[in-house]
Amino acid sequence: MRRPGFDEALVAPHLAFLDDLRAQGVLELSGGFGDRSGGAYLLHGLSGLEEARAIAMRDPLVAQGASDLTVHEWNSR
């Protein structure tokens, strides 16, 4: 979720980060919320929740403090 004072300049590095994850075969899907409050992405093929957290912490939006991060394990069918 975006924090107050969100820096739009971080969107391009964020998208490059997602493109890199996609190229690695780790990113399944991603997208922003309609109200522009934030977005979500789905990672797959990882060893567990801690690996997902470690990857997400490298997201420029998180690393630069522009967005708050929540990581959930999703048991889909």
PDB file of N, CA and C in Angstrom:
ATOM      1  N   MET A   1       0.847  -1.177   0.000  1.00  0.00           N
ATOM      2  CA  MET A   1       0.000   0.000   0.000  1.00  0.00           C
ATOM      3  C   MET A   1       0.891   1.238   0.000  1.00  0.00           C
ATOM      4  N   ARG A   2       0.492   2.218  -0.798  1.00  0.00           N
ATOM      5  CA  ARG A   2       1.259   3.457  -0.887  1.00  0.00           C
ATOM      6  C   ARG A   2       1.214   4.224   0.433  1.00  0.00           C
ATOM      7  N   ARG A   3       2.346   4.804   0.786  1.00  0.00           N
ATOM      8  CA  ARG A   3       2.429   5.657   1.965  1.00  0.00           C
ATOM      9  C   ARG A   3       2.143   7.104   1.552  1.00  0.00           C
ATOM     10  N   PRO A   4       1.754   7.957   2.508  1.00  0.00           N
ATOM     11  CA  PRO A   4       1.587   9.379   2.183  1.00  0.00           C
ATOM     12  C   PRO A   4       2.888   9.925   1.585  1.00  0.00           C
ATOM     13  N   GLY A   5       2.773  10.793   0.613  1.00  0.00           N
ATOM     14  CA  GLY A   5       3.936  11.365  -0.044  1.00  0.00           C
ATOM     15  C   GLY A   5       4.594  10.412  -1.025  1.00  0.00           C
ATOM     16  N   PHE A   6       3.845   9.419  -1.499  1.00  0.00           N
ATOM     17  CA  PHE A   6       4.357   8.427  -2.446  1.00  0.00           C
ATOM     18  C   PHE A   6       5.102   9.109  -3.587  1.00  0.00           C
ATOM     19  N   ASP A   7       6.291   8.601  -3.905  1.00  0.00           N
ATOM     20  CA  ASP A   7       7.137   9.173  -4.956  1.00  0.00           C
ATOM     21  C   ASP A   7       6.903   8.427  -6.270  1.00  0.00           C
ATOM     22  N   GLU A   8       6.233   9.080  -7.212  1.00  0.00           N
ATOM     23  CA  GLU A   8       5.926   8.472  -8.511  1.00  0.00           C
ATOM     24  C   GLU A   8       7.187   8.083  -9.280  1.00  0.00           C
ATOM     25  N   ALA A   9       8.320   8.709  -8.976  1.00  0.00           N
ATOM     26  CA  ALA A   9       9.580   8.393  -9.662  1.00  0.00           C
ATOM     27  C   ALA A   9      10.023   6.962  -9.389  1.00  0.00           C
ATOM     28  N   LEU A  10       9.492   6.341  -8.343  1.00  0.00           N
ATOM     29  CA  LEU A  10       9.864   4.962  -8.014  1.00  0.00           C
ATOM     30  C   LEU A  10       9.062   3.923  -8.797  1.00  0.00           C
ATOM     31  N   VAL A  11       8.053   4.363  -9.532  1.00  0.00           N
ATOM     32  CA  VAL A  11       7.233   3.411 -10.299  1.00  0.00           C
ATOM     33  C   VAL A  11       8.066   2.710 -11.371  1.00  0.00           C
ATOM     34  N   ALA A  12       8.880   3.451 -12.116  1.00  0.00           N
ATOM     35  CA  ALA A  12       9.698   2.840 -13.178  1.00  0.00           C
ATOM     36  C   ALA A  12      10.662   1.788 -12.617  1.00  0.00           C
ATOM     37  N   PRO A  13      11.417   2.066 -11.536  1.00  0.00           N
ATOM     38  CA  PRO A  13      12.270   1.019 -10.969  1.00  0.00           C
ATOM     39  C   PRO A  13      11.471  -0.174 -10.444  1.00  0.00           C
ATOM     40  N   HIS A  14      10.295   0.092  -9.909  1.00  0.00           N
ATOM     41  CA  HIS A  14       9.416  -0.984  -9.432  1.00  0.00           C
ATOM     42  C   HIS A  14       9.007  -1.886 -10.596  1.00  0.00           C
ATOM     43  N   LEU A  15       8.612  -1.274 -11.710  1.00  0.00           N
ATOM     44  CA  LEU A  15       8.208  -2.062 -12.879  1.00  0.00           C
ATOM     45  C   LEU A  15       9.388  -2.845 -13.443  1.00  0.00           C
ATOM     46  N   ALA A  16      10.582  -2.281 -13.421  1.00  0.00           N
ATOM     47  CA  ALA A  16      11.779  -3.001 -13.863  1.00  0.00           C
ATOM     48  C   ALA A  16      12.059  -4.191 -12.950  1.00  0.00           C
ATOM     49  N   PHE A  17      11.857  -4.005 -11.651  1.00  0.00           N
ATOM     50  CA  PHE A  17      12.005  -5.088 -10.670  1.00  0.00           C
ATOM     51  C   PHE A  17      11.040  -6.230 -11.006  1.00  0.00           C
ATOM     52  N   LEU A  18       9.784  -5.873 -11.290  1.00  0.00           N
ATOM     53  CA  LEU A  18       8.789  -6.895 -11.638  1.00  0.00           C
ATOM     54  C   LEU A  18       9.146  -7.582 -12.958  1.00  0.00           C
ATOM     55  N   ASP A  19       9.621  -6.834 -13.929  1.00  0.00           N
ATOM     56  CA  ASP A  19      10.044  -7.426 -15.203  1.00  0.00           C
ATOM     57  C   ASP A  19      11.169  -8.433 -14.988  1.00  0.00           C
ATOM     58  N   ASP A  20      12.089  -8.107 -14.083  1.00  0.00           N
ATOM     59  CA  ASP A  20      13.194  -9.023 -13.774  1.00  0.00           C
ATOM     60  C   ASP A  20      12.673 -10.297 -13.128  1.00  0.00           C
ATOM     61  N   LEU A  21      11.731 -10.160 -12.197  1.00  0.00           N
ATOM     62  CA  LEU A  21      11.142 -11.352 -11.573  1.00  0.00           C
ATOM     63  C   LEU A  21      10.413 -12.210 -12.610  1.00  0.00           C
ATOM     64  N   ARG A  22       9.736 -11.554 -13.537  1.00  0.00           N
ATOM     65  CA  ARG A  22       9.026 -12.271 -14.603  1.00  0.00           C
ATOM     66  C   ARG A  22      10.025 -13.033 -15.473  1.00  0.00           C
ATOM     67  N   ALA A  23      11.142 -12.404 -15.806  1.00  0.00           N
ATOM     68  CA  ALA A  23      12.181 -13.043 -16.624  1.00  0.00           C
ATOM     69  C   ALA A  23      12.802 -14.236 -15.910  1.00  0.00           C
ATOM     70  N   GLN A  24      12.856 -14.182 -14.581  1.00  0.00           N
ATOM     71  CA  GLN A  24      13.386 -15.290 -13.783  1.00  0.00           C
ATOM     72  C   GLN A  24      12.375 -16.429 -13.630  1.00  0.00           C
ATOM     73  N   GLY A  25      11.142 -16.194 -14.062  1.00  0.00           N
ATOM     74  CA  GLY A  25      10.099 -17.204 -13.927  1.00  0.00           C
ATOM     75  C   GLY A  25       9.483 -17.269 -12.550  1.00  0.00           C
ATOM     76  N   VAL A  26       9.647 -16.213 -11.758  1.00  0.00           N
ATOM     77  CA  VAL A  26       9.150 -16.192 -10.376  1.00  0.00           C
ATOM     78  C   VAL A  26       7.825 -15.442 -10.260  1.00  0.00           C
ATOM     79  N   LEU A  27       7.590 -14.472 -11.132  1.00  0.00           N
ATOM     80  CA  LEU A  27       6.384 -13.646 -11.061  1.00  0.00           C
ATOM     81  C   LEU A  27       5.287 -14.250 -11.921  1.00  0.00           C
ATOM     82  N   GLU A  28       4.173 -14.556 -11.289  1.00  0.00           N
ATOM     83  CA  GLU A  28       3.023 -15.132 -11.991  1.00  0.00           C
ATOM     84  C   GLU A  28       2.137 -14.026 -12.575  1.00  0.00           C
ATOM     85  N   LEU A  29       1.798 -13.036 -11.765  1.00  0.00           N
ATOM     86  CA  LEU A  29       0.975 -11.920 -12.232  1.00  0.00           C
ATOM     87  C   LEU A  29       1.161 -10.732 -11.305  1.00  0.00           C
ATOM     88  N   SER A  30       0.799  -9.559 -11.804  1.00  0.00           N
ATOM     89  CA  SER A  30       0.922  -8.341 -11.005  1.00  0.00           C
ATOM     90  C   SER A  30      -0.046  -7.298 -11.530  1.00  0.00           C
ATOM     91  N   GLY A  31      -0.353  -6.331 -10.682  1.00  0.00           N
ATOM     92  CA  GLY A  31      -1.207  -5.238 -11.113  1.00  0.00           C
ATOM     93  C   GLY A  31      -1.514  -4.285  -9.981  1.00  0.00           C
ATOM     94  N   GLY A  32      -1.890  -3.069 -10.390  1.00  0.00           N
ATOM     95  CA  GLY A  32      -2.252  -2.041  -9.422  1.00  0.00           C
ATOM     96  C   GLY A  32      -3.730  -2.098  -9.086  1.00  0.00           C
ATOM     97  N   PHE A  33      -4.072  -1.589  -7.906  1.00  0.00           N
ATOM     98  CA  PHE A  33      -5.466  -1.509  -7.494  1.00  0.00           C
ATOM     99  C   PHE A  33      -6.136  -0.350  -8.231  1.00  0.00           C
ATOM    100  N   GLY A  34      -7.412  -0.486  -8.516  1.00  0.00           N
ATOM    101  CA  GLY A  34      -8.153   0.528  -9.261  1.00  0.00           C
ATOM    102  C   GLY A  34      -8.158   1.895  -8.599  1.00  0.00           C
ATOM    103  N   ASP A  35      -8.073   1.936  -7.269  1.00  0.00           N
ATOM    104  CA  ASP A  35      -8.102   3.218  -6.566  1.00  0.00           C
ATOM    105  C   ASP A  35      -6.702   3.827  -6.397  1.00  0.00           C
ATOM    106  N   ARG A  36      -5.681   3.194  -6.988  1.00  0.00           N
ATOM    107  CA  ARG A  36      -4.288   3.657  -6.965  1.00  0.00           C
ATOM    108  C   ARG A  36      -3.697   3.701  -5.556  1.00  0.00           C
ATOM    109  N   SER A  37      -4.261   2.922  -4.643  1.00  0.00           N
ATOM    110  CA  SER A  37      -3.749   2.884  -3.271  1.00  0.00           C
ATOM    111  C   SER A  37      -2.553   1.940  -3.129  1.00  0.00           C
ATOM    112  N   GLY A  38      -2.312   1.144  -4.139  1.00  0.00           N
ATOM    113  CA  GLY A  38      -1.228   0.172  -4.097  1.00  0.00           C
ATOM    114  C   GLY A  38      -1.436  -0.876  -5.165  1.00  0.00           C
ATOM    115  N   GLY A  39      -0.915  -2.057  -4.928  1.00  0.00           N
ATOM    116  CA  GLY A  39      -1.049  -3.136  -5.888  1.00  0.00           C
ATOM    117  C   GLY A  39      -0.647  -4.456  -5.253  1.00  0.00           C
ATOM    118  N   ALA A  40      -0.607  -5.485  -6.070  1.00  0.00           N
ATOM    119  CA  ALA A  40      -0.255  -6.814  -5.578  1.00  0.00           C
ATOM    120  C   ALA A  40       0.467  -7.581  -6.673  1.00  0.00           C
ATOM    121  N   TYR A  41       1.282  -8.530  -6.255  1.00  0.00           N
ATOM    122  CA  TYR A  41       1.882  -9.452  -7.213  1.00  0.00           C
ATOM    123  C   TYR A  41       1.965 -10.828  -6.604  1.00  0.00           C
ATOM    124  N   LEU A  42       1.924 -11.816  -7.473  1.00  0.00           N
ATOM    125  CA  LEU A  42       1.904 -13.215  -7.076  1.00  0.00           C
ATOM    126  C   LEU A  42       3.202 -13.879  -7.523  1.00  0.00           C
ATOM    127  N   LEU A  43       3.951 -14.377  -6.546  1.00  0.00           N
ATOM    128  CA  LEU A  43       5.201 -15.085  -6.814  1.00  0.00           C
ATOM    129  C   LEU A  43       4.945 -16.576  -6.704  1.00  0.00           C
ATOM    130  N   HIS A  44       5.695 -17.364  -7.471  1.00  0.00           N
ATOM    131  CA  HIS A  44       5.516 -18.811  -7.399  1.00  0.00           C
ATOM    132  C   HIS A  44       6.853 -19.509  -7.583  1.00  0.00           C
ATOM    133  N   GLY A  45       6.877 -20.789  -7.221  1.00  0.00           N
ATOM    134  CA  GLY A  45       8.078 -21.597  -7.394  1.00  0.00           C
ATOM    135  C   GLY A  45       9.156 -21.297  -6.376  1.00  0.00           C
ATOM    136  N   LEU A  46       8.771 -20.790  -5.221  1.00  0.00           N
ATOM    137  CA  LEU A  46       9.736 -20.438  -4.193  1.00  0.00           C
ATOM    138  C   LEU A  46       9.786 -21.519  -3.115  1.00  0.00           C
ATOM    139  N   SER A  47      10.806 -21.424  -2.266  1.00  0.00           N
ATOM    140  CA  SER A  47      10.970 -22.428  -1.205  1.00  0.00           C
ATOM    141  C   SER A  47      10.068 -22.176  -0.007  1.00  0.00           C
ATOM    142  N   GLY A  48       9.504 -20.992   0.083  1.00  0.00           N
ATOM    143  CA  GLY A  48       8.613 -20.715   1.204  1.00  0.00           C
ATOM    144  C   GLY A  48       8.365 -19.238   1.406  1.00  0.00           C
ATOM    145  N   LEU A  49       7.680 -18.953   2.490  1.00  0.00           N
ATOM    146  CA  LEU A  49       7.260 -17.593   2.805  1.00  0.00           C
ATOM    147  C   LEU A  49       8.453 -16.667   3.039  1.00  0.00           C
ATOM    148  N   GLU A  50       9.487 -17.161   3.675  1.00  0.00           N
ATOM    149  CA  GLU A  50      10.659 -16.311   3.946  1.00  0.00           C
ATOM    150  C   GLU A  50      11.359 -15.895   2.658  1.00  0.00           C
ATOM    151  N   GLU A  51      11.442 -16.790   1.680  1.00  0.00           N
ATOM    152  CA  GLU A  51      12.043 -16.423   0.397  1.00  0.00           C
ATOM    153  C   GLU A  51      11.189 -15.363  -0.299  1.00  0.00           C
ATOM    154  N   ALA A  52       9.879 -15.512  -0.233  1.00  0.00           N
ATOM    155  CA  ALA A  52       8.985 -14.510  -0.827  1.00  0.00           C
ATOM    156  C   ALA A  52       9.174 -13.158  -0.151  1.00  0.00           C
ATOM    157  N   ARG A  53       9.281 -13.138   1.178  1.00  0.00           N
ATOM    158  CA  ARG A  53       9.511 -11.889   1.904  1.00  0.00           C
ATOM    159  C   ARG A  53      10.833 -11.244   1.486  1.00  0.00           C
ATOM    160  N   ALA A  54      11.882 -12.055   1.386  1.00  0.00           N
ATOM    161  CA  ALA A  54      13.197 -11.534   1.014  1.00  0.00           C
ATOM    162  C   ALA A  54      13.163 -10.904  -0.376  1.00  0.00           C
ATOM    163  N   ILE A  55      12.476 -11.539  -1.300  1.00  0.00           N
ATOM    164  CA  ILE A  55      12.350 -10.984  -2.652  1.00  0.00           C
ATOM    165  C   ILE A  55      11.561  -9.678  -2.609  1.00  0.00           C
ATOM    166  N   ALA A  56      10.432  -9.686  -1.937  1.00  0.00           N
ATOM    167  CA  ALA A  56       9.579  -8.500  -1.889  1.00  0.00           C
ATOM    168  C   ALA A  56      10.266  -7.325  -1.204  1.00  0.00           C
ATOM    169  N   MET A  57      11.127  -7.573  -0.238  1.00  0.00           N
ATOM    170  CA  MET A  57      11.847  -6.499   0.449  1.00  0.00           C
ATOM    171  C   MET A  57      12.816  -5.778  -0.488  1.00  0.00           C
ATOM    172  N   ARG A  58      13.186  -6.420  -1.602  1.00  0.00           N
ATOM    173  CA  ARG A  58      14.069  -5.787  -2.590  1.00  0.00           C
ATOM    174  C   ARG A  58      13.309  -4.892  -3.568  1.00  0.00           C
ATOM    175  N   ASP A  59      11.989  -4.940  -3.530  1.00  0.00           N
ATOM    176  CA  ASP A  59      11.175  -4.081  -4.395  1.00  0.00           C
ATOM    177  C   ASP A  59      11.536  -2.623  -4.090  1.00  0.00           C
ATOM    178  N   PRO A  60      11.885  -1.832  -5.100  1.00  0.00           N
ATOM    179  CA  PRO A  60      12.254  -0.433  -4.851  1.00  0.00           C
ATOM    180  C   PRO A  60      11.205   0.364  -4.079  1.00  0.00           C
ATOM    181  N   LEU A  61       9.931   0.067  -4.262  1.00  0.00           N
ATOM    182  CA  LEU A  61       8.897   0.782  -3.514  1.00  0.00           C
ATOM    183  C   LEU A  61       9.017   0.528  -2.022  1.00  0.00           C
ATOM    184  N   VAL A  62       9.414  -0.678  -1.663  1.00  0.00           N
ATOM    185  CA  VAL A  62       9.578  -1.047  -0.258  1.00  0.00           C
ATOM    186  C   VAL A  62      10.938  -0.565   0.253  1.00  0.00           C
ATOM    187  N   ALA A  63      11.985  -0.831  -0.512  1.00  0.00           N
ATOM    188  CA  ALA A  63      13.342  -0.475  -0.098  1.00  0.00           C
ATOM    189  C   ALA A  63      13.492   1.032   0.120  1.00  0.00           C
ATOM    190  N   GLN A  64      12.752   1.832  -0.638  1.00  0.00           N
ATOM    191  CA  GLN A  64      12.823   3.289  -0.525  1.00  0.00           C
ATOM    192  C   GLN A  64      11.763   3.868   0.411  1.00  0.00           C
ATOM    193  N   GLY A  65      10.956   2.995   1.028  1.00  0.00           N
ATOM    194  CA  GLY A  65       9.966   3.448   1.997  1.00  0.00           C
ATOM    195  C   GLY A  65       8.740   4.117   1.409  1.00  0.00           C
ATOM    196  N   ALA A  66       8.475   3.904   0.120  1.00  0.00           N
ATOM    197  CA  ALA A  66       7.315   4.527  -0.520  1.00  0.00           C
ATOM    198  C   ALA A  66       6.025   3.742  -0.297  1.00  0.00           C
ATOM    199  N   SER A  67       6.166   2.456  -0.001  1.00  0.00           N
ATOM    200  CA  SER A  67       4.992   1.591   0.178  1.00  0.00           C
ATOM    201  C   SER A  67       5.205   0.658   1.362  1.00  0.00           C
ATOM    202  N   ASP A  68       4.104   0.308   2.008  1.00  0.00           N
ATOM    203  CA  ASP A  68       4.119  -0.711   3.050  1.00  0.00           C
ATOM    204  C   ASP A  68       3.905  -2.062   2.390  1.00  0.00           C
ATOM    205  N   LEU A  69       4.558  -3.073   2.915  1.00  0.00           N
ATOM    206  CA  LEU A  69       4.531  -4.401   2.328  1.00  0.00           C
ATOM    207  C   LEU A  69       3.859  -5.396   3.268  1.00  0.00           C
ATOM    208  N   THR A  70       2.993  -6.205   2.716  1.00  0.00           N
ATOM    209  CA  THR A  70       2.423  -7.335   3.430  1.00  0.00           C
ATOM    210  C   THR A  70       2.581  -8.551   2.542  1.00  0.00           C
ATOM    211  N   VAL A  71       3.151  -9.627   3.090  1.00  0.00           N
ATOM    212  CA  VAL A  71       3.344 -10.865   2.321  1.00  0.00           C
ATOM    213  C   VAL A  71       2.439 -11.924   2.939  1.00  0.00           C
ATOM    214  N   HIS A  72       1.672 -12.572   2.082  1.00  0.00           N
ATOM    215  CA  HIS A  72       0.784 -13.642   2.511  1.00  0.00           C
ATOM    216  C   HIS A  72       1.096 -14.914   1.733  1.00  0.00           C
ATOM    217  N   GLU A  73       0.974 -16.029   2.408  1.00  0.00           N
ATOM    218  CA  GLU A  73       1.031 -17.319   1.707  1.00  0.00           C
ATOM    219  C   GLU A  73      -0.399 -17.622   1.271  1.00  0.00           C
ATOM    220  N   TRP A  74      -0.550 -17.971  -0.001  1.00  0.00           N
ATOM    221  CA  TRP A  74      -1.880 -18.204  -0.560  1.00  0.00           C
ATOM    222  C   TRP A  74      -1.986 -19.656  -0.965  1.00  0.00           C
ATOM    223  N   ASN A  75      -2.937 -20.344  -0.382  1.00  0.00           N
ATOM    224  CA  ASN A  75      -3.181 -21.749  -0.718  1.00  0.00           C
ATOM    225  C   ASN A  75      -4.327 -21.802  -1.715  1.00  0.00           C
ATOM    226  N   SER A  76      -3.983 -21.723  -2.987  1.00  0.00           N
ATOM    227  CA  SER A  76      -5.008 -21.710  -4.042  1.00  0.00           C
ATOM    228  C   SER A  76      -5.301 -23.126  -4.513  1.00  0.00           C
ATOM    229  N   ARG A  77      -6.427 -23.262  -5.216  1.00  0.00           N
ATOM    230  CA  ARG A  77      -6.790 -24.552  -5.800  1.00  0.00           C
ATOM    231  C   ARG A  77      -7.079 -24.375  -7.267  1.00  0.00           C
TER     232      ARG A  77
END
